Amino acid sequence: MCPGYLGATIAQSRDLNFLKKQLWLLLPSATAGGIIGGILLLNTGERTFRALVPFLILLASALLAVQEPVRRWIERRSGRSSGLPELWAVLPVGLASVYGGYFGAGLSVILLSVLALAMNDSLTRLNALKQAIALCVNVAAAFFFIFSGRVVWPMAAVMAAGSLAGGVLGGKLAGRIQPATLRWTVVLIGLAASFLYLGSDLAKFKPFN
């Protein structure tokens, strides 16, 4: 997935120019999380974690769906007009990055939810920041996977090509879509992914065996 995130990051590089401070604040946490997630994946089983994946994606989708009313409530309570302190995002981004390095599905939804709740900026710019953070997470984790001897390279090459093309196209479209439309599109994709994972797990469950 690294080429896809790279293409999307390049496509939205102009938006990142407005968030350089936030980018440098969050990249160390993202890198550390990706490395930890990669180490966990290579040293532990994934059965239990896989069972949690649909619920994690569902939670992330719900967070993004209620992002605006939650942020307005926080601003009324705190008297601030800029949302939560940006430093608040470091720990959640780090935890999401561990998840991203370990499994990765739905990482974009989780990161976008955290960033939208912690930072008062347009969803288009936050999407660009999310792309850069996700790229950092995946590169950090991939460093371990490359030398693990467990990568199926022909399949990885096909996925990388498709990921790059999709990332570039998605990054260009993001700046042309209304923020509300982008938000609900991401929410719907997250919901669909969670139910697909849940349905797949239920299909494998055979109580009479």
C-alpha atoms as a PDB file:
ATOM      1  CA  MET A   1       0.000   0.000   0.000  1.00  0.00           C
ATOM      2  CA  CYS A   2       3.006   2.330   0.299  1.00  0.00           C
ATOM      3  CA  PRO A   3       2.902   3.431  -3.394  1.00  0.00           C
ATOM      4  CA  GLY A   4      -0.772   4.346  -3.029  1.00  0.00           C
ATOM      5  CA  TYR A   5      -0.172   6.504   0.017  1.00  0.00           C
ATOM      6  CA  LEU A   6       2.873   8.037  -1.690  1.00  0.00           C
ATOM      7  CA  GLY A   7       0.833   8.928  -4.776  1.00  0.00           C
ATOM      8  CA  ALA A   8      -1.976  10.383  -2.673  1.00  0.00           C
ATOM      9  CA  THR A   9       0.479  12.385  -0.553  1.00  0.00           C
ATOM     10  CA  ILE A  10       2.122  13.862  -3.650  1.00  0.00           C
ATOM     11  CA  ALA A  11      -1.279  14.642  -5.175  1.00  0.00           C
ATOM     12  CA  GLN A  12      -2.266  16.617  -2.061  1.00  0.00           C
ATOM     13  CA  SER A  13       1.143  18.133  -1.338  1.00  0.00           C
ATOM     14  CA  ARG A  14      -0.252  21.676  -1.656  1.00  0.00           C
ATOM     15  CA  ASP A  15      -2.639  21.058   1.211  1.00  0.00           C
ATOM     16  CA  LEU A  16       0.240  19.712   3.301  1.00  0.00           C
ATOM     17  CA  ASN A  17       2.039  23.036   2.974  1.00  0.00           C
ATOM     18  CA  PHE A  18      -0.523  24.471   5.414  1.00  0.00           C
ATOM     19  CA  LEU A  19       0.038  21.686   7.957  1.00  0.00           C
ATOM     20  CA  LYS A  20       3.817  21.335   8.164  1.00  0.00           C
ATOM     21  CA  LYS A  21       3.856  21.988  11.912  1.00  0.00           C
ATOM     22  CA  GLN A  22       1.228  19.321  12.545  1.00  0.00           C
ATOM     23  CA  LEU A  23       2.987  16.899  10.204  1.00  0.00           C
ATOM     24  CA  TRP A  24       6.306  17.111  12.045  1.00  0.00           C
ATOM     25  CA  LEU A  25       4.470  16.856  15.372  1.00  0.00           C
ATOM     26  CA  LEU A  26       2.786  13.582  14.429  1.00  0.00           C
ATOM     27  CA  LEU A  27       5.371  11.797  12.250  1.00  0.00           C
ATOM     28  CA  PRO A  28       7.512  10.490  15.161  1.00  0.00           C
ATOM     29  CA  SER A  29       4.449   8.957  16.801  1.00  0.00           C
ATOM     30  CA  ALA A  30       3.356   7.452  13.479  1.00  0.00           C
ATOM     31  CA  THR A  31       6.797   5.988  12.804  1.00  0.00           C
ATOM     32  CA  ALA A  32       7.091   4.457  16.255  1.00  0.00           C
ATOM     33  CA  GLY A  33       3.579   3.018  16.015  1.00  0.00           C
ATOM     34  CA  GLY A  34       4.229   1.494  12.599  1.00  0.00           C
ATOM     35  CA  ILE A  35       7.425  -0.157  13.810  1.00  0.00           C
ATOM     36  CA  ILE A  36       5.721  -1.583  16.917  1.00  0.00           C
ATOM     37  CA  GLY A  37       2.822  -2.863  14.819  1.00  0.00           C
ATOM     38  CA  GLY A  38       5.198  -4.545  12.374  1.00  0.00           C
ATOM     39  CA  ILE A  39       7.088  -6.243  15.180  1.00  0.00           C
ATOM     40  CA  LEU A  40       3.828  -7.467  16.732  1.00  0.00           C
ATOM     41  CA  LEU A  41       2.623  -8.891  13.425  1.00  0.00           C
ATOM     42  CA  LEU A  42       5.806 -10.874  12.872  1.00  0.00           C
ATOM     43  CA  ASN A  43       5.835 -12.228  16.409  1.00  0.00           C
ATOM     44  CA  THR A  44       2.192 -12.862  17.332  1.00  0.00           C
ATOM     45  CA  GLY A  45      -0.878 -14.511  15.828  1.00  0.00           C
ATOM     46  CA  GLU A  46      -3.642 -12.440  14.290  1.00  0.00           C
ATOM     47  CA  ARG A  47      -6.781 -14.504  15.059  1.00  0.00           C
ATOM     48  CA  THR A  48      -7.925 -12.415  18.013  1.00  0.00           C
ATOM     49  CA  PHE A  49      -6.985  -9.150  16.357  1.00  0.00           C
ATOM     50  CA  ARG A  50      -8.802 -10.107  13.163  1.00  0.00           C
ATOM     51  CA  ALA A  51     -11.963 -10.694  15.199  1.00  0.00           C
ATOM     52  CA  LEU A  52     -11.728  -7.097  16.482  1.00  0.00           C
ATOM     53  CA  VAL A  53     -11.129  -5.486  13.079  1.00  0.00           C
ATOM     54  CA  PRO A  54     -14.802  -4.958  12.015  1.00  0.00           C
ATOM     55  CA  PHE A  55     -15.595  -3.353  15.367  1.00  0.00           C
ATOM     56  CA  LEU A  56     -12.553  -1.072  15.200  1.00  0.00           C
ATOM     57  CA  ILE A  57     -13.531   0.125  11.729  1.00  0.00           C
ATOM     58  CA  LEU A  58     -17.139   0.572  12.842  1.00  0.00           C
ATOM     59  CA  LEU A  59     -16.008   2.684  15.800  1.00  0.00           C
ATOM     60  CA  ALA A  60     -13.807   4.819  13.550  1.00  0.00           C
ATOM     61  CA  SER A  61     -16.684   5.374  11.121  1.00  0.00           C
ATOM     62  CA  ALA A  62     -18.955   6.425  13.982  1.00  0.00           C
ATOM     63  CA  LEU A  63     -16.333   8.877  15.256  1.00  0.00           C
ATOM     64  CA  LEU A  64     -16.072  10.519  11.853  1.00  0.00           C
ATOM     65  CA  ALA A  65     -19.861  10.654  11.483  1.00  0.00           C
ATOM     66  CA  VAL A  66     -20.296  12.584  14.753  1.00  0.00           C
ATOM     67  CA  GLN A  67     -17.129  14.651  14.379  1.00  0.00           C
ATOM     68  CA  GLU A  68     -18.829  18.020  13.770  1.00  0.00           C
ATOM     69  CA  PRO A  69     -21.348  17.978  16.675  1.00  0.00           C
ATOM     70  CA  VAL A  70     -18.694  16.589  19.033  1.00  0.00           C
ATOM     71  CA  ARG A  71     -16.215  19.318  18.096  1.00  0.00           C
ATOM     72  CA  ARG A  72     -18.875  22.040  18.494  1.00  0.00           C
ATOM     73  CA  TRP A  73     -19.708  20.675  21.955  1.00  0.00           C
ATOM     74  CA  ILE A  74     -16.024  20.688  22.931  1.00  0.00           C
ATOM     75  CA  GLU A  75     -15.633  24.274  21.727  1.00  0.00           C
ATOM     76  CA  ARG A  76     -18.677  25.416  23.729  1.00  0.00           C
ATOM     77  CA  ARG A  77     -17.368  23.713  26.859  1.00  0.00           C
ATOM     78  CA  SER A  78     -13.812  25.017  26.548  1.00  0.00           C
ATOM     79  CA  GLY A  79     -14.493  28.432  25.093  1.00  0.00           C
ATOM     80  CA  ARG A  80     -11.969  27.722  22.368  1.00  0.00           C
ATOM     81  CA  SER A  81     -12.501  28.298  18.657  1.00  0.00           C
ATOM     82  CA  SER A  82      -9.704  26.051  17.450  1.00  0.00           C
ATOM     83  CA  GLY A  83     -10.806  22.650  18.765  1.00  0.00           C
ATOM     84  CA  LEU A  84      -8.668  20.479  20.999  1.00  0.00           C
ATOM     85  CA  PRO A  85      -4.939  21.150  21.493  1.00  0.00           C
ATOM     86  CA  GLU A  86      -3.081  19.575  18.574  1.00  0.00           C
ATOM     87  CA  LEU A  87      -0.758  17.764  20.984  1.00  0.00           C
ATOM     88  CA  TRP A  88      -3.816  15.711  21.996  1.00  0.00           C
ATOM     89  CA  ALA A  89      -3.578  13.854  18.668  1.00  0.00           C
ATOM     90  CA  VAL A  90      -0.100  12.396  19.296  1.00  0.00           C
ATOM     91  CA  LEU A  91      -1.171   9.444  21.458  1.00  0.00           C
ATOM     92  CA  PRO A  92      -4.266   8.439  19.422  1.00  0.00           C
ATOM     93  CA  VAL A  93      -2.245   8.693  16.204  1.00  0.00           C
ATOM     94  CA  GLY A  94       0.448   6.508  17.772  1.00  0.00           C
ATOM     95  CA  LEU A  95      -2.109   3.871  18.803  1.00  0.00           C
ATOM     96  CA  ALA A  96      -3.745   3.977  15.375  1.00  0.00           C
ATOM     97  CA  SER A  97      -0.297   3.564  13.834  1.00  0.00           C
ATOM     98  CA  VAL A  98       0.319   0.408  15.868  1.00  0.00           C
ATOM     99  CA  TYR A  99      -2.931  -0.907  14.439  1.00  0.00           C
ATOM    100  CA  GLY A 100      -1.863   0.197  10.960  1.00  0.00           C
ATOM    101  CA  GLY A 101       1.480  -1.556  11.184  1.00  0.00           C
ATOM    102  CA  TYR A 102      -0.161  -4.725  12.476  1.00  0.00           C
ATOM    103  CA  PHE A 103      -3.185  -5.053  10.186  1.00  0.00           C
ATOM    104  CA  GLY A 104      -3.872  -1.814   8.318  1.00  0.00           C
ATOM    105  CA  ALA A 105      -7.481  -2.241   7.128  1.00  0.00           C
ATOM    106  CA  GLY A 106      -9.429   0.907   7.950  1.00  0.00           C
ATOM    107  CA  LEU A 107      -6.321   2.822   9.049  1.00  0.00           C
ATOM    108  CA  SER A 108      -7.331   5.809   6.927  1.00  0.00           C
ATOM    109  CA  VAL A 109     -10.754   6.004   8.578  1.00  0.00           C
ATOM    110  CA  ILE A 110      -9.260   5.802  12.065  1.00  0.00           C
ATOM    111  CA  LEU A 111      -6.595   8.437  11.373  1.00  0.00           C
ATOM    112  CA  LEU A 112      -9.064  10.805   9.742  1.00  0.00           C
ATOM    113  CA  SER A 113     -11.403  10.454  12.720  1.00  0.00           C
ATOM    114  CA  VAL A 114      -8.641  11.288  15.203  1.00  0.00           C
ATOM    115  CA  LEU A 115      -7.371  14.240  13.174  1.00  0.00           C
ATOM    116  CA  ALA A 116     -10.865  15.654  12.615  1.00  0.00           C
ATOM    117  CA  LEU A 117     -11.627  15.551  16.337  1.00  0.00           C
ATOM    118  CA  ALA A 118      -8.268  17.015  17.380  1.00  0.00           C
ATOM    119  CA  MET A 119      -7.711  19.696  14.741  1.00  0.00           C
ATOM    120  CA  ASN A 120      -9.854  22.545  13.489  1.00  0.00           C
ATOM    121  CA  ASP A 121      -9.159  22.493   9.764  1.00  0.00           C
ATOM    122  CA  SER A 122     -10.905  21.525   6.537  1.00  0.00           C
ATOM    123  CA  LEU A 123     -11.435  17.840   5.930  1.00  0.00           C
ATOM    124  CA  THR A 124      -9.570  18.127   2.626  1.00  0.00           C
ATOM    125  CA  ARG A 125      -6.397  19.323   4.377  1.00  0.00           C
ATOM    126  CA  LEU A 126      -6.796  16.779   7.149  1.00  0.00           C
ATOM    127  CA  ASN A 127      -7.143  14.113   4.485  1.00  0.00           C
ATOM    128  CA  ALA A 128      -3.788  15.200   3.054  1.00  0.00           C
ATOM    129  CA  LEU A 129      -2.234  15.008   6.530  1.00  0.00           C
ATOM    130  CA  LYS A 130      -3.775  11.559   6.966  1.00  0.00           C
ATOM    131  CA  GLN A 131      -2.198  10.387   3.701  1.00  0.00           C
ATOM    132  CA  ALA A 132       1.270  11.467   4.824  1.00  0.00           C
ATOM    133  CA  ILE A 133       0.897   9.866   8.258  1.00  0.00           C
ATOM    134  CA  ALA A 134      -0.408   6.616   6.760  1.00  0.00           C
ATOM    135  CA  LEU A 135       2.522   6.587   4.323  1.00  0.00           C
ATOM    136  CA  CYS A 136       4.939   6.925   7.239  1.00  0.00           C
ATOM    137  CA  VAL A 137       3.208   4.100   9.146  1.00  0.00           C
ATOM    138  CA  ASN A 138       3.271   1.731   6.180  1.00  0.00           C
ATOM    139  CA  VAL A 139       6.881   2.461   5.243  1.00  0.00           C
ATOM    140  CA  ALA A 140       8.000   1.877   8.835  1.00  0.00           C
ATOM    141  CA  ALA A 141       6.153  -1.458   9.041  1.00  0.00           C
ATOM    142  CA  ALA A 142       7.166  -2.526   5.516  1.00  0.00           C
ATOM    143  CA  PHE A 143      10.827  -2.174   6.485  1.00  0.00           C
ATOM    144  CA  PHE A 144      10.418  -5.200   8.742  1.00  0.00           C
ATOM    145  CA  PHE A 145       8.226  -7.139   6.336  1.00  0.00           C
ATOM    146  CA  ILE A 146      10.708  -6.870   3.455  1.00  0.00           C
ATOM    147  CA  PHE A 147      13.317  -8.777   5.409  1.00  0.00           C
ATOM    148  CA  SER A 148      10.904 -11.235   7.039  1.00  0.00           C
ATOM    149  CA  GLY A 149      10.813 -13.712   4.158  1.00  0.00           C
ATOM    150  CA  ARG A 150       7.002 -13.808   4.333  1.00  0.00           C
ATOM    151  CA  VAL A 151       6.121 -11.437   1.489  1.00  0.00           C
ATOM    152  CA  VAL A 152       4.447 -12.926  -1.615  1.00  0.00           C
ATOM    153  CA  TRP A 153       6.202 -10.626  -4.077  1.00  0.00           C
ATOM    154  CA  PRO A 154       4.140 -11.210  -7.284  1.00  0.00           C
ATOM    155  CA  MET A 155       0.923 -10.434  -5.420  1.00  0.00           C
ATOM    156  CA  ALA A 156       2.551  -7.481  -3.655  1.00  0.00           C
ATOM    157  CA  ALA A 157       3.661  -6.027  -7.024  1.00  0.00           C
ATOM    158  CA  VAL A 158       0.109  -6.171  -8.442  1.00  0.00           C
ATOM    159  CA  MET A 159      -1.309  -4.551  -5.289  1.00  0.00           C
ATOM    160  CA  ALA A 160       1.376  -1.856  -5.349  1.00  0.00           C
ATOM    161  CA  ALA A 161       0.550  -0.877  -8.942  1.00  0.00           C
ATOM    162  CA  GLY A 162      -3.169  -0.669  -8.221  1.00  0.00           C
ATOM    163  CA  SER A 163      -2.549   1.171  -4.980  1.00  0.00           C
ATOM    164  CA  LEU A 164      -0.391   3.793  -6.710  1.00  0.00           C
ATOM    165  CA  ALA A 165      -2.981   4.465  -9.418  1.00  0.00           C
ATOM    166  CA  GLY A 166      -5.821   4.638  -6.894  1.00  0.00           C
ATOM    167  CA  GLY A 167      -3.870   6.863  -4.530  1.00  0.00           C
ATOM    168  CA  VAL A 168      -3.056   9.444  -7.198  1.00  0.00           C
ATOM    169  CA  LEU A 169      -6.656   9.516  -8.464  1.00  0.00           C
ATOM    170  CA  GLY A 170      -8.105   9.684  -4.961  1.00  0.00           C
ATOM    171  CA  GLY A 171      -5.757  12.483  -3.936  1.00  0.00           C
ATOM    172  CA  LYS A 172      -6.761  14.599  -6.943  1.00  0.00           C
ATOM    173  CA  LEU A 173     -10.476  14.027  -6.380  1.00  0.00           C
ATOM    174  CA  ALA A 174     -10.278  14.879  -2.671  1.00  0.00           C
ATOM    175  CA  GLY A 175      -9.728  18.581  -3.335  1.00  0.00           C
ATOM    176  CA  ARG A 176     -12.752  18.775  -5.642  1.00  0.00           C
ATOM    177  CA  ILE A 177     -15.317  17.156  -3.366  1.00  0.00           C
ATOM    178  CA  GLN A 178     -17.356  19.063  -0.785  1.00  0.00           C
ATOM    179  CA  PRO A 179     -16.164  18.322   2.800  1.00  0.00           C
ATOM    180  CA  ALA A 180     -19.553  16.939   3.862  1.00  0.00           C
ATOM    181  CA  THR A 181     -19.655  14.669   0.829  1.00  0.00           C
ATOM    182  CA  LEU A 182     -16.114  13.463   1.509  1.00  0.00           C
ATOM    183  CA  ARG A 183     -16.933  12.824   5.184  1.00  0.00           C
ATOM    184  CA  TRP A 184     -20.031  10.727   4.486  1.00  0.00           C
ATOM    185  CA  THR A 185     -18.323   8.890   1.644  1.00  0.00           C
ATOM    186  CA  VAL A 186     -15.583   7.822   4.057  1.00  0.00           C
ATOM    187  CA  VAL A 187     -18.183   6.877   6.681  1.00  0.00           C
ATOM    188  CA  LEU A 188     -20.102   4.704   4.211  1.00  0.00           C
ATOM    189  CA  ILE A 189     -16.915   3.014   3.010  1.00  0.00           C
ATOM    190  CA  GLY A 190     -15.944   2.333   6.611  1.00  0.00           C
ATOM    191  CA  LEU A 191     -19.363   0.853   7.398  1.00  0.00           C
ATOM    192  CA  ALA A 192     -19.255  -1.336   4.297  1.00  0.00           C
ATOM    193  CA  ALA A 193     -15.764  -2.578   5.171  1.00  0.00           C
ATOM    194  CA  SER A 194     -16.763  -3.396   8.757  1.00  0.00           C
ATOM    195  CA  PHE A 195     -19.812  -5.402   7.682  1.00  0.00           C
ATOM    196  CA  LEU A 196     -17.808  -7.218   5.005  1.00  0.00           C
ATOM    197  CA  TYR A 197     -15.215  -8.283   7.581  1.00  0.00           C
ATOM    198  CA  LEU A 198     -17.940  -9.244  10.049  1.00  0.00           C
ATOM    199  CA  GLY A 199     -19.802 -11.232   7.402  1.00  0.00           C
ATOM    200  CA  SER A 200     -16.625 -13.021   6.398  1.00  0.00           C
ATOM    201  CA  ASP A 201     -15.932 -14.025  10.000  1.00  0.00           C
ATOM    202  CA  LEU A 202     -19.502 -15.245  10.514  1.00  0.00           C
ATOM    203  CA  ALA A 203     -19.337 -17.301   7.323  1.00  0.00           C
ATOM    204  CA  LYS A 204     -16.285 -19.137   8.678  1.00  0.00           C
ATOM    205  CA  PHE A 205     -17.964 -19.843  12.010  1.00  0.00           C
ATOM    206  CA  LYS A 206     -19.360 -23.390  12.134  1.00  0.00           C
ATOM    207  CA  PRO A 207     -20.886 -24.038  15.576  1.00  0.00           C
ATOM    208  CA  PHE A 208     -21.627 -27.730  14.929  1.00  0.00           C
ATOM    209  CA  ASN A 209     -18.091 -28.741  13.993  1.00  0.00           C
END
